Amino acid sequence: MTTAVSAPRLPADMDLGAAPTFGIVLGSGIVVLQDLVDAVDIPYDRIAGLPTTTVAGHAGVLTIGTIPDGPRVAIARGRFHLYEGHPLEAATSLMRLYEGMGLSRVILTNAAGGLRGDWLPGDLMLIRDHINLMGPYQAGARDRTVPDFPATPAYDPEWTARMAEWGDREAGFNLRSGVYAGLLGPNYETPAEIKWLQTIGCQAVGMSTVPEAAYASSHGIKVLGISCITNIATTAEAQATTSHGEVVDVAKMASQSMDRALRAACRLA
């Protein structure tokens, strides 16, 4: 039997302006779209049903505003990870918020470790698909509205293909494409795990996005996924020096590329 989990609700006493048409979730350290017109910032603690963010680089603010010469968007500056101890319904709460707002397209971004030795920190990667290695997240979850096997691809193939073409023609930075491995965390991967992830066909690894993509796609929302490659963890030495501070720092440096990618993604949806 499915147990319904109530959707987060925006504050009724705030003037939020026109309704947005895109929902965006930002990963650790990513700072983008700072020039929104008629922007409204809503701290997460004003949104009923959202937990508190606890991870560095996640501001915990929902911004609704209009991209100059573009659409009105909702930007979640911070997300909720299973490794923080949140249940599944918290990890998918931003998607339930966007669903309740009537949004039909979302862009999920994250900071991820690269599994290709010929890639560079700061590269971006379009997520073609993911491998869900967060299996335990479904155990005991009250929110059973996320199917174990979504009937549709988690990431919209046409939207992703249009972005790949844009990347080849005019991005001006490395816009890669690959498979994202979602691990529960919070620990970084061991050398043996990295080798195994490479063997099974993954190009990036992180600790988020999978629950959100599974929920959104299985509820009829088109999803585009973009990873910011913040470190290349293909050697034992590189893995030993990986830290959350490094992840946030590189994500901030790559934010200009992500900013361009998000504007293009809204045009090409």
C-alpha atoms as a PDB file:
ATOM      1  CA  MET A   1       0.000   0.000   0.000  1.00  0.00           C
ATOM      2  CA  THR A   2       1.324   3.488  -0.907  1.00  0.00           C
ATOM      3  CA  THR A   3       1.572   5.993   1.932  1.00  0.00           C
ATOM      4  CA  ALA A   4       0.997   9.538   0.709  1.00  0.00           C
ATOM      5  CA  VAL A   5       3.547  12.137   1.768  1.00  0.00           C
ATOM      6  CA  SER A   6       2.290  15.713   1.689  1.00  0.00           C
ATOM      7  CA  ALA A   7       3.989  18.063  -0.755  1.00  0.00           C
ATOM      8  CA  PRO A   8       5.988  21.013   0.585  1.00  0.00           C
ATOM      9  CA  ARG A   9       4.060  24.287   0.370  1.00  0.00           C
ATOM     10  CA  LEU A  10       5.220  27.795  -0.499  1.00  0.00           C
ATOM     11  CA  PRO A  11       4.288  30.534   1.988  1.00  0.00           C
ATOM     12  CA  ALA A  12       0.864  31.955   1.205  1.00  0.00           C
ATOM     13  CA  ASP A  13       1.749  35.436   2.451  1.00  0.00           C
ATOM     14  CA  MET A  14       4.534  36.119  -0.082  1.00  0.00           C
ATOM     15  CA  ASP A  15       4.116  37.730  -3.511  1.00  0.00           C
ATOM     16  CA  LEU A  16       6.096  35.379  -5.748  1.00  0.00           C
ATOM     17  CA  GLY A  17       5.259  37.077  -9.047  1.00  0.00           C
ATOM     18  CA  ALA A  18       4.554  35.108 -12.205  1.00  0.00           C
ATOM     19  CA  ALA A  19       4.708  31.322 -12.028  1.00  0.00           C
ATOM     20  CA  PRO A  20       8.032  29.727 -13.075  1.00  0.00           C
ATOM     21  CA  THR A  21       8.257  27.248 -15.936  1.00  0.00           C
ATOM     22  CA  PHE A  22      11.524  25.477 -14.991  1.00  0.00           C
ATOM     23  CA  GLY A  23      12.787  24.056 -11.729  1.00  0.00           C
ATOM     24  CA  ILE A  24      16.537  23.884 -11.053  1.00  0.00           C
ATOM     25  CA  VAL A  25      18.457  22.217  -8.223  1.00  0.00           C
ATOM     26  CA  LEU A  26      22.027  23.353  -7.575  1.00  0.00           C
ATOM     27  CA  GLY A  27      24.793  21.062  -6.348  1.00  0.00           C
ATOM     28  CA  SER A  28      27.506  21.854  -3.807  1.00  0.00           C
ATOM     29  CA  GLY A  29      29.279  25.155  -4.421  1.00  0.00           C
ATOM     30  CA  ILE A  30      27.517  25.980  -7.703  1.00  0.00           C
ATOM     31  CA  VAL A  31      26.705  29.700  -7.970  1.00  0.00           C
ATOM     32  CA  VAL A  32      24.728  30.681 -11.081  1.00  0.00           C
ATOM     33  CA  LEU A  33      22.017  32.950 -12.504  1.00  0.00           C
ATOM     34  CA  GLN A  34      22.782  35.890 -10.259  1.00  0.00           C
ATOM     35  CA  ASP A  35      21.115  38.386 -12.634  1.00  0.00           C
ATOM     36  CA  LEU A  36      17.512  37.216 -12.331  1.00  0.00           C
ATOM     37  CA  VAL A  37      14.854  39.901 -12.787  1.00  0.00           C
ATOM     38  CA  ASP A  38      12.046  40.335 -10.242  1.00  0.00           C
ATOM     39  CA  ALA A  39      13.691  37.726  -8.034  1.00  0.00           C
ATOM     40  CA  VAL A  40      12.204  36.554  -4.756  1.00  0.00           C
ATOM     41  CA  ASP A  41      14.284  34.607  -2.203  1.00  0.00           C
ATOM     42  CA  ILE A  42      12.466  32.186   0.073  1.00  0.00           C
ATOM     43  CA  PRO A  43      14.503  30.585   2.874  1.00  0.00           C
ATOM     44  CA  TYR A  44      13.771  26.896   3.203  1.00  0.00           C
ATOM     45  CA  ASP A  45      12.554  27.422   6.753  1.00  0.00           C
ATOM     46  CA  ARG A  46       9.643  29.433   5.282  1.00  0.00           C
ATOM     47  CA  ILE A  47       8.565  26.492   3.100  1.00  0.00           C
ATOM     48  CA  ALA A  48       6.389  24.049   5.004  1.00  0.00           C
ATOM     49  CA  GLY A  49       7.563  20.481   4.529  1.00  0.00           C
ATOM     50  CA  LEU A  50      11.219  21.165   3.706  1.00  0.00           C
ATOM     51  CA  PRO A  51      13.945  20.089   6.148  1.00  0.00           C
ATOM     52  CA  THR A  52      17.028  22.152   6.978  1.00  0.00           C
ATOM     53  CA  THR A  53      20.159  21.977   4.820  1.00  0.00           C
ATOM     54  CA  THR A  54      23.301  21.010   6.726  1.00  0.00           C
ATOM     55  CA  VAL A  55      26.009  20.652   4.050  1.00  0.00           C
ATOM     56  CA  ALA A  56      28.548  23.386   3.229  1.00  0.00           C
ATOM     57  CA  GLY A  57      27.889  25.007  -0.145  1.00  0.00           C
ATOM     58  CA  HIS A  58      24.104  24.577   0.123  1.00  0.00           C
ATOM     59  CA  ALA A  59      22.498  27.929   0.959  1.00  0.00           C
ATOM     60  CA  GLY A  60      19.025  26.627   1.758  1.00  0.00           C
ATOM     61  CA  VAL A  61      17.152  29.235  -0.301  1.00  0.00           C
ATOM     62  CA  LEU A  62      14.597  28.902  -3.099  1.00  0.00           C
ATOM     63  CA  THR A  63      14.926  31.743  -5.610  1.00  0.00           C
ATOM     64  CA  ILE A  64      12.147  32.484  -8.083  1.00  0.00           C
ATOM     65  CA  GLY A  65      13.047  34.941 -10.829  1.00  0.00           C
ATOM     66  CA  THR A  66      13.239  35.587 -14.547  1.00  0.00           C
ATOM     67  CA  ILE A  67      16.341  34.980 -16.670  1.00  0.00           C
ATOM     68  CA  PRO A  68      16.935  38.083 -18.840  1.00  0.00           C
ATOM     69  CA  ASP A  69      15.469  37.274 -22.272  1.00  0.00           C
ATOM     70  CA  GLY A  70      14.513  33.882 -20.882  1.00  0.00           C
ATOM     71  CA  PRO A  71      11.890  32.067 -18.797  1.00  0.00           C
ATOM     72  CA  ARG A  72      10.966  32.450 -15.166  1.00  0.00           C
ATOM     73  CA  VAL A  73      12.656  29.766 -13.071  1.00  0.00           C
ATOM     74  CA  ALA A  74      12.686  28.354  -9.565  1.00  0.00           C
ATOM     75  CA  ILE A  75      16.194  27.647  -8.274  1.00  0.00           C
ATOM     76  CA  ALA A  76      16.742  25.437  -5.228  1.00  0.00           C
ATOM     77  CA  ARG A  77      20.081  26.578  -3.824  1.00  0.00           C
ATOM     78  CA  GLY A  78      20.729  23.487  -1.756  1.00  0.00           C
ATOM     79  CA  ARG A  79      19.364  19.938  -1.573  1.00  0.00           C
ATOM     80  CA  PHE A  80      18.887  17.140   0.954  1.00  0.00           C
ATOM     81  CA  HIS A  81      21.128  14.069   0.907  1.00  0.00           C
ATOM     82  CA  LEU A  82      20.387  10.634   2.253  1.00  0.00           C
ATOM     83  CA  TYR A  83      23.806  10.579   3.935  1.00  0.00           C
ATOM     84  CA  GLU A  84      22.687  13.455   6.172  1.00  0.00           C
ATOM     85  CA  GLY A  85      20.264  11.013   7.748  1.00  0.00           C
ATOM     86  CA  HIS A  86      17.243  12.255   5.811  1.00  0.00           C
ATOM     87  CA  PRO A  87      14.559   9.757   4.787  1.00  0.00           C
ATOM     88  CA  LEU A  88      13.616   9.303   1.146  1.00  0.00           C
ATOM     89  CA  GLU A  89      10.698  11.713   1.396  1.00  0.00           C
ATOM     90  CA  ALA A  90      13.161  14.475   2.337  1.00  0.00           C
ATOM     91  CA  ALA A  91      15.578  13.571  -0.466  1.00  0.00           C
ATOM     92  CA  THR A  92      12.723  13.922  -2.975  1.00  0.00           C
ATOM     93  CA  SER A  93      11.040  16.904  -1.294  1.00  0.00           C
ATOM     94  CA  LEU A  94      12.272  19.478  -3.820  1.00  0.00           C
ATOM     95  CA  MET A  95      10.772  17.407  -6.625  1.00  0.00           C
ATOM     96  CA  ARG A  96       7.467  17.184  -4.783  1.00  0.00           C
ATOM     97  CA  LEU A  97       7.610  20.961  -4.276  1.00  0.00           C
ATOM     98  CA  TYR A  98       8.190  21.510  -8.007  1.00  0.00           C
ATOM     99  CA  GLU A  99       5.473  19.008  -8.870  1.00  0.00           C
ATOM    100  CA  GLY A 100       3.061  20.901  -6.632  1.00  0.00           C
ATOM    101  CA  MET A 101       4.038  24.137  -8.400  1.00  0.00           C
ATOM    102  CA  GLY A 102       2.998  22.564 -11.693  1.00  0.00           C
ATOM    103  CA  LEU A 103       6.481  22.450 -13.231  1.00  0.00           C
ATOM    104  CA  SER A 104       6.982  19.973 -16.072  1.00  0.00           C
ATOM    105  CA  ARG A 105      10.769  20.379 -16.559  1.00  0.00           C
ATOM    106  CA  VAL A 106      13.581  20.279 -14.027  1.00  0.00           C
ATOM    107  CA  ILE A 107      17.352  20.576 -14.323  1.00  0.00           C
ATOM    108  CA  LEU A 108      19.330  18.668 -11.700  1.00  0.00           C
ATOM    109  CA  THR A 109      22.955  19.685 -11.156  1.00  0.00           C
ATOM    110  CA  ASN A 110      25.541  18.148  -8.874  1.00  0.00           C
ATOM    111  CA  ALA A 111      29.217  18.151  -7.990  1.00  0.00           C
ATOM    112  CA  ALA A 112      30.719  14.789  -8.939  1.00  0.00           C
ATOM    113  CA  GLY A 113      34.000  12.942  -8.999  1.00  0.00           C
ATOM    114  CA  GLY A 114      35.329  12.158 -12.463  1.00  0.00           C
ATOM    115  CA  LEU A 115      36.240   8.602 -13.393  1.00  0.00           C
ATOM    116  CA  ARG A 116      38.038   9.406 -16.650  1.00  0.00           C
ATOM    117  CA  GLY A 117      41.730  10.204 -16.513  1.00  0.00           C
ATOM    118  CA  ASP A 118      41.490  12.341 -19.666  1.00  0.00           C
ATOM    119  CA  TRP A 119      38.845  14.676 -18.184  1.00  0.00           C
ATOM    120  CA  LEU A 120      39.641  17.820 -16.184  1.00  0.00           C
ATOM    121  CA  PRO A 121      38.297  19.327 -12.956  1.00  0.00           C
ATOM    122  CA  GLY A 122      35.756  21.941 -13.984  1.00  0.00           C
ATOM    123  CA  ASP A 123      34.434  19.977 -16.968  1.00  0.00           C
ATOM    124  CA  LEU A 124      30.665  19.505 -17.123  1.00  0.00           C
ATOM    125  CA  MET A 125      28.965  16.200 -17.916  1.00  0.00           C
ATOM    126  CA  LEU A 126      25.474  15.678 -19.278  1.00  0.00           C
ATOM    127  CA  ILE A 127      23.965  12.708 -17.446  1.00  0.00           C
ATOM    128  CA  ARG A 128      22.727  10.212 -20.046  1.00  0.00           C
ATOM    129  CA  ASP A 129      21.703   7.715 -17.395  1.00  0.00           C
ATOM    130  CA  HIS A 130      22.540   6.681 -13.852  1.00  0.00           C
ATOM    131  CA  ILE A 131      23.350   3.545 -11.915  1.00  0.00           C
ATOM    132  CA  ASN A 132      21.514   3.492  -8.608  1.00  0.00           C
ATOM    133  CA  LEU A 133      23.876   2.217  -5.913  1.00  0.00           C
ATOM    134  CA  MET A 134      21.772   3.771  -3.144  1.00  0.00           C
ATOM    135  CA  GLY A 135      19.682   0.616  -2.809  1.00  0.00           C
ATOM    136  CA  PRO A 136      19.151   0.863   0.955  1.00  0.00           C
ATOM    137  CA  TYR A 137      17.381   4.205   0.546  1.00  0.00           C
ATOM    138  CA  GLN A 138      14.118   2.427  -0.176  1.00  0.00           C
ATOM    139  CA  ALA A 139      14.174   0.252   2.933  1.00  0.00           C
ATOM    140  CA  GLY A 140      11.487   1.386   5.346  1.00  0.00           C
ATOM    141  CA  ALA A 141      10.684   4.553   3.383  1.00  0.00           C
ATOM    142  CA  ARG A 142       7.246   6.013   4.001  1.00  0.00           C
ATOM    143  CA  ASP A 143       7.238   7.558   0.542  1.00  0.00           C
ATOM    144  CA  ARG A 144       6.434   4.606  -1.717  1.00  0.00           C
ATOM    145  CA  THR A 145       5.498   6.876  -4.636  1.00  0.00           C
ATOM    146  CA  VAL A 146       8.932   6.391  -6.249  1.00  0.00           C
ATOM    147  CA  PRO A 147       8.678   3.229  -8.369  1.00  0.00           C
ATOM    148  CA  ASP A 148      11.541   0.784  -8.105  1.00  0.00           C
ATOM    149  CA  PHE A 149      11.674   0.675 -11.913  1.00  0.00           C
ATOM    150  CA  PRO A 150      10.493   3.924 -13.587  1.00  0.00           C
ATOM    151  CA  ALA A 151       8.841   3.187 -16.905  1.00  0.00           C
ATOM    152  CA  THR A 152      10.596   6.045 -18.719  1.00  0.00           C
ATOM    153  CA  PRO A 153      14.272   7.086 -18.990  1.00  0.00           C
ATOM    154  CA  ALA A 154      15.259   9.117 -15.947  1.00  0.00           C
ATOM    155  CA  TYR A 155      16.885  11.815 -18.114  1.00  0.00           C
ATOM    156  CA  ASP A 156      15.009  13.113 -21.159  1.00  0.00           C
ATOM    157  CA  PRO A 157      16.896  11.790 -24.229  1.00  0.00           C
ATOM    158  CA  GLU A 158      15.827  14.535 -26.638  1.00  0.00           C
ATOM    159  CA  TRP A 159      16.645  17.391 -24.261  1.00  0.00           C
ATOM    160  CA  THR A 160      20.004  15.787 -23.475  1.00  0.00           C
ATOM    161  CA  ALA A 161      20.782  15.333 -27.185  1.00  0.00           C
ATOM    162  CA  ARG A 162      20.005  18.975 -27.950  1.00  0.00           C
ATOM    163  CA  MET A 163      22.332  20.050 -25.158  1.00  0.00           C
ATOM    164  CA  ALA A 164      25.090  17.774 -26.468  1.00  0.00           C
ATOM    165  CA  GLU A 165      24.765  19.369 -29.904  1.00  0.00           C
ATOM    166  CA  TRP A 166      24.939  22.829 -28.319  1.00  0.00           C
ATOM    167  CA  GLY A 167      28.045  21.745 -26.432  1.00  0.00           C
ATOM    168  CA  ASP A 168      29.752  20.649 -29.639  1.00  0.00           C
ATOM    169  CA  ARG A 169      28.858  23.871 -31.494  1.00  0.00           C
ATOM    170  CA  GLU A 170      29.114  26.760 -29.075  1.00  0.00           C
ATOM    171  CA  ALA A 171      29.644  25.952 -25.408  1.00  0.00           C
ATOM    172  CA  GLY A 172      33.272  27.106 -25.291  1.00  0.00           C
ATOM    173  CA  PHE A 173      34.091  24.584 -22.547  1.00  0.00           C
ATOM    174  CA  ASN A 174      34.217  20.806 -22.176  1.00  0.00           C
ATOM    175  CA  LEU A 175      30.656  19.510 -22.050  1.00  0.00           C
ATOM    176  CA  ARG A 176      31.040  15.766 -21.663  1.00  0.00           C
ATOM    177  CA  SER A 177      28.405  13.053 -21.590  1.00  0.00           C
ATOM    178  CA  GLY A 178      28.244   9.931 -19.463  1.00  0.00           C
ATOM    179  CA  VAL A 179      26.716   7.716 -16.811  1.00  0.00           C
ATOM    180  CA  TYR A 180      26.458   8.917 -13.209  1.00  0.00           C
ATOM    181  CA  ALA A 181      26.859   6.486 -10.310  1.00  0.00           C
ATOM    182  CA  GLY A 182      24.806   7.446  -7.267  1.00  0.00           C
ATOM    183  CA  LEU A 183      26.301   6.168  -3.997  1.00  0.00           C
ATOM    184  CA  LEU A 184      24.841   6.577  -0.546  1.00  0.00           C
ATOM    185  CA  GLY A 185      27.933   8.222   1.003  1.00  0.00           C
ATOM    186  CA  PRO A 186      29.065  10.166   2.957  1.00  0.00           C
ATOM    187  CA  ASN A 187      32.481   8.542   2.504  1.00  0.00           C
ATOM    188  CA  TYR A 188      34.422   8.971  -0.723  1.00  0.00           C
ATOM    189  CA  GLU A 189      35.161   5.884  -2.783  1.00  0.00           C
ATOM    190  CA  THR A 190      38.012   3.472  -2.159  1.00  0.00           C
ATOM    191  CA  PRO A 191      40.478   2.646  -4.978  1.00  0.00           C
ATOM    192  CA  ALA A 192      38.757  -0.717  -5.430  1.00  0.00           C
ATOM    193  CA  GLU A 193      35.351   0.942  -5.696  1.00  0.00           C
ATOM    194  CA  ILE A 194      36.665   3.440  -8.260  1.00  0.00           C
ATOM    195  CA  LYS A 195      38.071   0.617 -10.383  1.00  0.00           C
ATOM    196  CA  TRP A 196      34.775  -1.261 -10.155  1.00  0.00           C
ATOM    197  CA  LEU A 197      32.740   1.830 -11.125  1.00  0.00           C
ATOM    198  CA  GLN A 198      34.945   2.319 -14.170  1.00  0.00           C
ATOM    199  CA  THR A 199      34.516  -1.335 -15.091  1.00  0.00           C
ATOM    200  CA  ILE A 200      30.714  -1.155 -15.008  1.00  0.00           C
ATOM    201  CA  GLY A 201      30.678   1.897 -17.289  1.00  0.00           C
ATOM    202  CA  CYS A 202      30.422   4.967 -15.062  1.00  0.00           C
ATOM    203  CA  GLN A 203      32.088   8.274 -15.909  1.00  0.00           C
ATOM    204  CA  ALA A 204      31.163  10.226 -12.750  1.00  0.00           C
ATOM    205  CA  VAL A 205      30.209   9.425  -9.167  1.00  0.00           C
ATOM    206  CA  GLY A 206      28.322  11.343  -6.505  1.00  0.00           C
ATOM    207  CA  MET A 207      25.909  11.129  -3.589  1.00  0.00           C
ATOM    208  CA  SER A 208      22.760  12.862  -4.823  1.00  0.00           C
ATOM    209  CA  THR A 209      20.440  13.324  -7.823  1.00  0.00           C
ATOM    210  CA  VAL A 210      19.305   9.698  -8.240  1.00  0.00           C
ATOM    211  CA  PRO A 211      16.263   9.878  -5.910  1.00  0.00           C
ATOM    212  CA  GLU A 212      15.229  13.235  -7.403  1.00  0.00           C
ATOM    213  CA  ALA A 213      15.570  12.018 -11.001  1.00  0.00           C
ATOM    214  CA  ALA A 214      13.680   8.796 -10.244  1.00  0.00           C
ATOM    215  CA  TYR A 215      10.827  10.680  -8.588  1.00  0.00           C
ATOM    216  CA  ALA A 216      10.548  13.411 -11.211  1.00  0.00           C
ATOM    217  CA  SER A 217      10.731  11.174 -14.283  1.00  0.00           C
ATOM    218  CA  SER A 218       8.273   8.672 -12.862  1.00  0.00           C
ATOM    219  CA  HIS A 219       5.823  11.521 -12.223  1.00  0.00           C
ATOM    220  CA  GLY A 220       5.867  12.846 -15.766  1.00  0.00           C
ATOM    221  CA  ILE A 221       8.457  15.598 -15.270  1.00  0.00           C
ATOM    222  CA  LYS A 222      11.175  15.896 -17.911  1.00  0.00           C
ATOM    223  CA  VAL A 223      14.648  15.833 -16.374  1.00  0.00           C
ATOM    224  CA  LEU A 224      18.005  17.137 -17.564  1.00  0.00           C
ATOM    225  CA  GLY A 225      21.049  16.209 -15.456  1.00  0.00           C
ATOM    226  CA  ILE A 226      24.389  18.056 -15.445  1.00  0.00           C
ATOM    227  CA  SER A 227      27.378  17.098 -13.276  1.00  0.00           C
ATOM    228  CA  CYS A 228      30.228  19.448 -12.490  1.00  0.00           C
ATOM    229  CA  ILE A 229      33.382  17.308 -12.422  1.00  0.00           C
ATOM    230  CA  THR A 230      35.179  18.643  -9.361  1.00  0.00           C
ATOM    231  CA  ASN A 231      37.998  16.132  -9.033  1.00  0.00           C
ATOM    232  CA  ILE A 232      39.496  13.269 -11.027  1.00  0.00           C
ATOM    233  CA  ALA A 233      39.747  10.379  -8.580  1.00  0.00           C
ATOM    234  CA  THR A 234      41.431   7.768 -10.762  1.00  0.00           C
ATOM    235  CA  THR A 235      44.552   7.251  -8.640  1.00  0.00           C
ATOM    236  CA  ALA A 236      45.048   6.386  -4.987  1.00  0.00           C
ATOM    237  CA  GLU A 237      46.903   9.677  -4.457  1.00  0.00           C
ATOM    238  CA  ALA A 238      44.060  11.745  -5.922  1.00  0.00           C
ATOM    239  CA  GLN A 239      41.482   9.868  -3.874  1.00  0.00           C
ATOM    240  CA  ALA A 240      43.448  10.416  -0.679  1.00  0.00           C
ATOM    241  CA  THR A 241      43.390  14.200  -1.102  1.00  0.00           C
ATOM    242  CA  THR A 242      39.722  14.553  -2.054  1.00  0.00           C
ATOM    243  CA  SER A 243      37.735  16.714   0.380  1.00  0.00           C
ATOM    244  CA  HIS A 244      34.402  18.492   0.432  1.00  0.00           C
ATOM    245  CA  GLY A 245      36.255  21.814   0.485  1.00  0.00           C
ATOM    246  CA  GLU A 246      37.957  20.921  -2.794  1.00  0.00           C
ATOM    247  CA  VAL A 247      34.615  19.925  -4.298  1.00  0.00           C
ATOM    248  CA  VAL A 248      33.024  23.256  -3.359  1.00  0.00           C
ATOM    249  CA  ASP A 249      36.015  25.304  -4.551  1.00  0.00           C
ATOM    250  CA  VAL A 250      36.136  23.693  -8.005  1.00  0.00           C
ATOM    251  CA  ALA A 251      32.347  23.921  -8.364  1.00  0.00           C
ATOM    252  CA  LYS A 252      32.558  27.661  -7.704  1.00  0.00           C
ATOM    253  CA  MET A 253      35.271  28.028 -10.363  1.00  0.00           C
ATOM    254  CA  ALA A 254      33.178  26.068 -12.872  1.00  0.00           C
ATOM    255  CA  SER A 255      30.022  28.050 -12.134  1.00  0.00           C
ATOM    256  CA  GLN A 256      30.488  30.294 -15.189  1.00  0.00           C
ATOM    257  CA  SER A 257      30.306  27.240 -17.448  1.00  0.00           C
ATOM    258  CA  MET A 258      27.309  25.909 -15.538  1.00  0.00           C
ATOM    259  CA  ASP A 259      25.621  29.308 -15.818  1.00  0.00           C
ATOM    260  CA  ARG A 260      25.954  29.203 -19.618  1.00  0.00           C
ATOM    261  CA  ALA A 261      24.746  25.606 -19.718  1.00  0.00           C
ATOM    262  CA  LEU A 262      21.628  26.372 -17.678  1.00  0.00           C
ATOM    263  CA  ARG A 263      20.652  29.309 -19.879  1.00  0.00           C
ATOM    264  CA  ALA A 264      21.106  27.124 -22.954  1.00  0.00           C
ATOM    265  CA  ALA A 265      19.133  24.288 -21.355  1.00  0.00           C
ATOM    266  CA  CYS A 266      16.140  26.568 -20.807  1.00  0.00           C
ATOM    267  CA  ARG A 267      16.239  27.618 -24.467  1.00  0.00           C
ATOM    268  CA  LEU A 268      16.597  24.069 -25.768  1.00  0.00           C
ATOM    269  CA  ALA A 269      14.025  22.267 -23.608  1.00  0.00           C
END
